[in-house]
Amino acid sequence: MFISIAAVSSKGNVRANNEDNFYIASEYVSAEKMSEPNKMAKTLVDHDTPVITAICDGIGGGSDGEYASLKVVSSLRNAMEGLDMLHDCDRVTEKLRGISC
């Protein structure tokens, strides 16, 4: 079995910068690349374990929206680091509930 996941974001027509971010199986857009239009695609081959994905809208018009969306995805990655998504379900749930941004 394989899973293909893709995400695309851009600053849109109003904002001067891109405030959106996404998280796909431990990867997200780094701070250095957030001002650019972003594309991420990932294919997970022979993958039979759960995959966490997230889309973080930077709340255009709010102050520091790009920082907020980056903080969420980086906190998610830190929380999930080293966990076995299939066998540590209780710990994954506990970590997800405990994420504080």
Protein backbone atom coordinates (compact mmCIF):
# COMPACT_ATOMS: atom_id res chain seq x y z
CA MET A 1 0.00 0.00 0.00
CA PHE A 2 1.14 3.54 -0.61
CA ILE A 3 -0.17 6.94 0.39
CA SER A 4 0.36 10.12 -1.63
CA ILE A 5 -0.12 13.41 0.17
CA ALA A 6 0.31 16.90 -1.30
CA ALA A 7 -0.16 20.46 -0.09
CA VAL A 8 0.21 23.86 -1.77
CA SER A 9 0.06 27.35 -0.29
CA SER A 10 0.72 30.91 -1.41
CA LYS A 11 0.35 34.40 -0.01
CA GLY A 12 -2.82 35.01 -2.00
CA ASN A 13 -3.86 38.33 -3.51
CA VAL A 14 -3.99 40.52 -0.39
CA ARG A 15 -1.08 39.72 1.93
CA ALA A 16 2.58 40.59 1.42
CA ASN A 17 3.72 37.26 2.84
CA ASN A 18 2.61 33.65 3.11
CA GLU A 19 1.30 32.88 6.60
CA ASP A 20 0.19 29.29 6.01
CA ASN A 21 2.04 26.11 6.87
CA PHE A 22 1.41 22.38 6.79
CA TYR A 23 2.72 19.24 8.44
CA ILE A 24 2.98 15.96 6.57
CA ALA A 25 4.46 12.96 8.38
CA SER A 26 7.13 14.89 10.32
CA GLU A 27 7.88 17.51 7.65
CA TYR A 28 6.84 21.14 7.48
CA VAL A 29 7.86 24.37 5.73
CA SER A 30 10.88 25.96 7.40
CA ALA A 31 10.85 29.61 8.46
CA GLU A 32 13.31 30.50 5.69
CA LYS A 33 10.92 29.26 2.99
CA MET A 34 7.61 30.50 4.36
CA SER A 35 7.63 33.75 2.38
CA GLU A 36 7.63 31.77 -0.89
CA PRO A 37 4.74 29.87 -2.45
CA ASN A 38 5.11 26.39 -1.03
CA LYS A 39 4.49 22.91 -2.33
CA MET A 40 5.07 19.68 -0.49
CA ALA A 41 4.40 16.22 -1.77
CA LYS A 42 5.17 12.99 -0.04
CA THR A 43 4.59 9.40 -1.06
CA LEU A 44 4.79 6.81 1.68
CA VAL A 45 5.44 3.38 0.18
CA ASP A 46 4.51 0.16 2.00
CA HIS A 47 3.14 2.31 4.73
CA ASP A 48 0.54 0.71 6.95
CA THR A 49 0.86 2.93 10.01
CA PRO A 50 -1.16 6.07 10.79
CA VAL A 51 0.09 9.37 9.38
CA ILE A 52 -0.57 12.73 10.99
CA THR A 53 -1.12 15.71 8.72
CA ALA A 54 -2.11 19.27 9.58
CA ILE A 55 -2.97 22.45 7.71
CA CYS A 56 -2.29 25.67 9.61
CA ASP A 57 -3.91 28.80 8.26
CA GLY A 58 -1.91 31.84 9.31
CA ILE A 59 -5.03 33.93 9.94
CA GLY A 60 -4.38 36.63 7.39
CA GLY A 61 -4.67 40.07 8.89
CA GLY A 62 -3.68 38.98 12.38
CA SER A 63 -0.27 39.92 13.67
CA ASP A 64 2.40 37.22 13.40
CA GLY A 65 0.15 34.69 11.62
CA GLU A 66 3.18 33.13 9.97
CA TYR A 67 4.83 32.68 13.37
CA ALA A 68 1.69 31.05 14.79
CA SER A 69 1.36 28.53 11.96
CA LEU A 70 5.10 27.69 12.13
CA LYS A 71 4.90 27.25 15.91
CA VAL A 72 2.03 24.77 15.58
CA VAL A 73 3.76 22.57 12.99
CA SER A 74 7.12 22.64 14.75
CA SER A 75 5.46 21.81 18.09
CA LEU A 76 3.63 18.94 16.41
CA ARG A 77 6.88 17.57 15.02
CA ASN A 78 8.62 17.83 18.39
CA ALA A 79 5.74 16.10 20.13
CA MET A 80 5.64 13.20 17.66
CA GLU A 81 9.41 12.67 17.46
CA GLY A 82 10.39 9.12 18.38
CA LEU A 83 6.85 7.80 18.76
CA ASP A 84 5.67 4.67 16.98
CA MET A 85 2.38 5.82 15.47
CA LEU A 86 1.01 2.28 15.33
CA HIS A 87 2.07 0.90 18.69
CA ASP A 88 2.13 4.02 20.88
CA CYS A 89 -1.45 5.16 20.26
CA ASP A 90 -2.05 6.20 23.87
CA ARG A 91 1.19 8.22 23.96
CA VAL A 92 0.42 9.81 20.58
CA THR A 93 -3.01 10.87 21.85
CA GLU A 94 -1.48 12.18 25.08
CA LYS A 95 1.18 14.15 23.16
CA LEU A 96 -1.40 15.64 20.77
CA ARG A 97 -3.56 16.79 23.66
CA GLY A 98 -0.55 18.27 25.44
CA ILE A 99 0.77 20.42 22.60
CA SER A 100 0.96 24.00 23.77
CA CYS A 101 1.79 26.80 21.41
